[in-house]
């Protein structure tokens, strides 16, 4: 009986096996991460994520020097909707990469 308890303790203390899904996500391009995250959010009507993305876009655009586009996005709904598609391209997508990775990991989305 003591041996069984010792084995149970070992099982609880042993380190968890790393999750390969995170590594697979890391290998995707920023465009692929964007597409996967936005598709998942739209399919599951995850409005809070889409709002987070819309709020992050003007900051990312300004950071890459596209200040005019950032200003348009802040002022118009159409700018926000158009940018959901554009947020997967170029330097803006690279800046938003951590947001996509976090979202996909939290929701167990795999490539």
C-alpha atoms as a PDB file:
ATOM      1  CA  UNK A   1       0.000   0.000   0.000  1.00  0.00           C
ATOM      2  CA  UNK A   2       2.859   2.388   0.820  1.00  0.00           C
ATOM      3  CA  UNK A   3       4.427   1.725  -2.566  1.00  0.00           C
ATOM      4  CA  UNK A   4       1.188   2.726  -4.347  1.00  0.00           C
ATOM      5  CA  UNK A   5       1.062   6.007  -2.435  1.00  0.00           C
ATOM      6  CA  UNK A   6       4.695   6.723  -3.317  1.00  0.00           C
ATOM      7  CA  UNK A   7       3.951   6.104  -7.016  1.00  0.00           C
ATOM      8  CA  UNK A   8       0.967   8.460  -6.866  1.00  0.00           C
ATOM      9  CA  UNK A   9       3.149  11.175  -5.338  1.00  0.00           C
ATOM     10  CA  UNK A  10       5.703  10.758  -8.100  1.00  0.00           C
ATOM     11  CA  UNK A  11       2.978  11.115 -10.722  1.00  0.00           C
ATOM     12  CA  UNK A  12       1.774  14.361  -9.149  1.00  0.00           C
ATOM     13  CA  UNK A  13       5.273  15.821  -8.786  1.00  0.00           C
ATOM     14  CA  UNK A  14       6.557  14.838 -12.233  1.00  0.00           C
ATOM     15  CA  UNK A  15       6.810  17.720 -14.708  1.00  0.00           C
ATOM     16  CA  UNK A  16       4.144  18.071 -17.345  1.00  0.00           C
ATOM     17  CA  UNK A  17       4.954  17.108 -20.911  1.00  0.00           C
ATOM     18  CA  UNK A  18       5.357  20.267 -23.011  1.00  0.00           C
ATOM     19  CA  UNK A  19       2.510  20.950 -25.393  1.00  0.00           C
ATOM     20  CA  UNK A  20       3.508  20.633 -29.051  1.00  0.00           C
ATOM     21  CA  UNK A  21       0.521  22.756 -30.128  1.00  0.00           C
ATOM     22  CA  UNK A  22       2.261  25.942 -28.952  1.00  0.00           C
ATOM     23  CA  UNK A  23       5.362  25.038 -30.971  1.00  0.00           C
ATOM     24  CA  UNK A  24       3.235  24.365 -34.037  1.00  0.00           C
ATOM     25  CA  UNK A  25       1.574  27.754 -33.638  1.00  0.00           C
ATOM     26  CA  UNK A  26       4.954  29.495 -33.247  1.00  0.00           C
ATOM     27  CA  UNK A  27       6.051  28.089 -36.613  1.00  0.00           C
ATOM     28  CA  UNK A  28       3.131  29.706 -38.446  1.00  0.00           C
ATOM     29  CA  UNK A  29       3.558  33.041 -40.187  1.00  0.00           C
ATOM     30  CA  UNK A  30       1.841  36.078 -38.692  1.00  0.00           C
ATOM     31  CA  UNK A  31      -0.609  36.042 -41.618  1.00  0.00           C
ATOM     32  CA  UNK A  32      -1.508  32.414 -40.859  1.00  0.00           C
ATOM     33  CA  UNK A  33      -1.912  33.178 -37.147  1.00  0.00           C
ATOM     34  CA  UNK A  34      -4.173  36.116 -37.982  1.00  0.00           C
ATOM     35  CA  UNK A  35      -6.315  34.047 -40.322  1.00  0.00           C
ATOM     36  CA  UNK A  36      -6.642  31.220 -37.810  1.00  0.00           C
ATOM     37  CA  UNK A  37      -7.485  33.549 -34.902  1.00  0.00           C
ATOM     38  CA  UNK A  38      -9.993  35.700 -36.802  1.00  0.00           C
ATOM     39  CA  UNK A  39     -11.665  32.667 -38.371  1.00  0.00           C
ATOM     40  CA  UNK A  40     -12.001  31.030 -34.949  1.00  0.00           C
ATOM     41  CA  UNK A  41     -13.347  34.228 -33.383  1.00  0.00           C
ATOM     42  CA  UNK A  42     -15.913  34.729 -36.152  1.00  0.00           C
ATOM     43  CA  UNK A  43     -16.996  31.090 -36.096  1.00  0.00           C
ATOM     44  CA  UNK A  44     -17.517  31.236 -32.325  1.00  0.00           C
ATOM     45  CA  UNK A  45     -18.851  34.798 -32.276  1.00  0.00           C
ATOM     46  CA  UNK A  46     -16.034  35.819 -29.947  1.00  0.00           C
ATOM     47  CA  UNK A  47     -16.821  39.529 -29.969  1.00  0.00           C
ATOM     48  CA  UNK A  48     -14.477  40.362 -27.050  1.00  0.00           C
ATOM     49  CA  UNK A  49     -11.469  39.111 -29.036  1.00  0.00           C
ATOM     50  CA  UNK A  50     -12.510  41.027 -32.142  1.00  0.00           C
ATOM     51  CA  UNK A  51     -12.885  44.177 -30.039  1.00  0.00           C
ATOM     52  CA  UNK A  52      -9.408  43.603 -28.528  1.00  0.00           C
ATOM     53  CA  UNK A  53      -8.016  43.261 -32.040  1.00  0.00           C
ATOM     54  CA  UNK A  54      -9.786  46.411 -33.236  1.00  0.00           C
ATOM     55  CA  UNK A  55      -8.434  48.321 -30.229  1.00  0.00           C
ATOM     56  CA  UNK A  56      -4.883  47.065 -30.841  1.00  0.00           C
ATOM     57  CA  UNK A  57      -4.831  47.931 -34.556  1.00  0.00           C
ATOM     58  CA  UNK A  58      -4.377  51.715 -34.373  1.00  0.00           C
ATOM     59  CA  UNK A  59      -1.477  51.278 -31.959  1.00  0.00           C
ATOM     60  CA  UNK A  60       0.215  48.704 -34.217  1.00  0.00           C
ATOM     61  CA  UNK A  61      -0.349  50.856 -37.296  1.00  0.00           C
ATOM     62  CA  UNK A  62       1.082  53.924 -35.594  1.00  0.00           C
ATOM     63  CA  UNK A  63       4.077  51.872 -34.443  1.00  0.00           C
ATOM     64  CA  UNK A  64       4.922  50.981 -38.051  1.00  0.00           C
ATOM     65  CA  UNK A  65       4.520  54.590 -39.161  1.00  0.00           C
ATOM     66  CA  UNK A  66       1.025  54.427 -40.646  1.00  0.00           C
ATOM     67  CA  UNK A  67      -0.338  57.261 -38.501  1.00  0.00           C
ATOM     68  CA  UNK A  68      -2.969  58.374 -41.047  1.00  0.00           C
ATOM     69  CA  UNK A  69      -4.453  54.874 -41.207  1.00  0.00           C
ATOM     70  CA  UNK A  70      -4.473  54.683 -37.417  1.00  0.00           C
ATOM     71  CA  UNK A  71      -6.406  57.971 -37.227  1.00  0.00           C
ATOM     72  CA  UNK A  72      -8.992  56.744 -39.750  1.00  0.00           C
ATOM     73  CA  UNK A  73      -9.438  53.524 -37.777  1.00  0.00           C
ATOM     74  CA  UNK A  74     -10.112  55.381 -34.567  1.00  0.00           C
ATOM     75  CA  UNK A  75     -12.719  57.594 -36.200  1.00  0.00           C
ATOM     76  CA  UNK A  76     -14.698  55.236 -38.430  1.00  0.00           C
ATOM     77  CA  UNK A  77     -16.400  51.879 -38.039  1.00  0.00           C
ATOM     78  CA  UNK A  78     -15.639  51.059 -41.659  1.00  0.00           C
ATOM     79  CA  UNK A  79     -11.952  51.513 -40.938  1.00  0.00           C
ATOM     80  CA  UNK A  80     -12.242  48.972 -38.133  1.00  0.00           C
ATOM     81  CA  UNK A  81     -14.006  46.396 -40.276  1.00  0.00           C
ATOM     82  CA  UNK A  82     -11.552  46.784 -43.158  1.00  0.00           C
ATOM     83  CA  UNK A  83      -8.653  46.421 -40.782  1.00  0.00           C
ATOM     84  CA  UNK A  84      -9.800  43.057 -39.457  1.00  0.00           C
ATOM     85  CA  UNK A  85      -8.686  41.766 -42.822  1.00  0.00           C
ATOM     86  CA  UNK A  86      -5.619  43.991 -43.140  1.00  0.00           C
ATOM     87  CA  UNK A  87      -4.371  43.195 -39.633  1.00  0.00           C
ATOM     88  CA  UNK A  88      -2.846  39.987 -40.943  1.00  0.00           C
ATOM     89  CA  UNK A  89      -0.413  41.674 -43.300  1.00  0.00           C
ATOM     90  CA  UNK A  90       3.101  43.021 -43.038  1.00  0.00           C
ATOM     91  CA  UNK A  91       4.629  44.702 -40.028  1.00  0.00           C
ATOM     92  CA  UNK A  92       1.250  45.243 -38.357  1.00  0.00           C
ATOM     93  CA  UNK A  93       0.695  41.481 -38.314  1.00  0.00           C
ATOM     94  CA  UNK A  94       4.140  40.995 -36.786  1.00  0.00           C
ATOM     95  CA  UNK A  95       3.309  43.424 -33.975  1.00  0.00           C
ATOM     96  CA  UNK A  96      -0.020  41.676 -33.357  1.00  0.00           C
ATOM     97  CA  UNK A  97       1.563  38.203 -33.404  1.00  0.00           C
ATOM     98  CA  UNK A  98       1.624  37.876 -29.568  1.00  0.00           C
ATOM     99  CA  UNK A  99      -2.099  38.677 -29.451  1.00  0.00           C
ATOM    100  CA  UNK A 100      -2.872  35.941 -31.982  1.00  0.00           C
ATOM    101  CA  UNK A 101      -0.630  33.389 -30.246  1.00  0.00           C
ATOM    102  CA  UNK A 102      -2.176  34.099 -26.845  1.00  0.00           C
ATOM    103  CA  UNK A 103      -5.716  33.842 -28.194  1.00  0.00           C
ATOM    104  CA  UNK A 104      -5.118  30.630 -30.114  1.00  0.00           C
ATOM    105  CA  UNK A 105      -3.339  28.993 -27.178  1.00  0.00           C
ATOM    106  CA  UNK A 106      -6.072  29.993 -24.715  1.00  0.00           C
ATOM    107  CA  UNK A 107      -8.730  28.465 -26.955  1.00  0.00           C
ATOM    108  CA  UNK A 108      -6.825  25.319 -27.860  1.00  0.00           C
ATOM    109  CA  UNK A 109      -6.819  26.139 -31.573  1.00  0.00           C
ATOM    110  CA  UNK A 110      -4.257  24.163 -33.545  1.00  0.00           C
ATOM    111  CA  UNK A 111      -3.009  24.621 -37.094  1.00  0.00           C
END
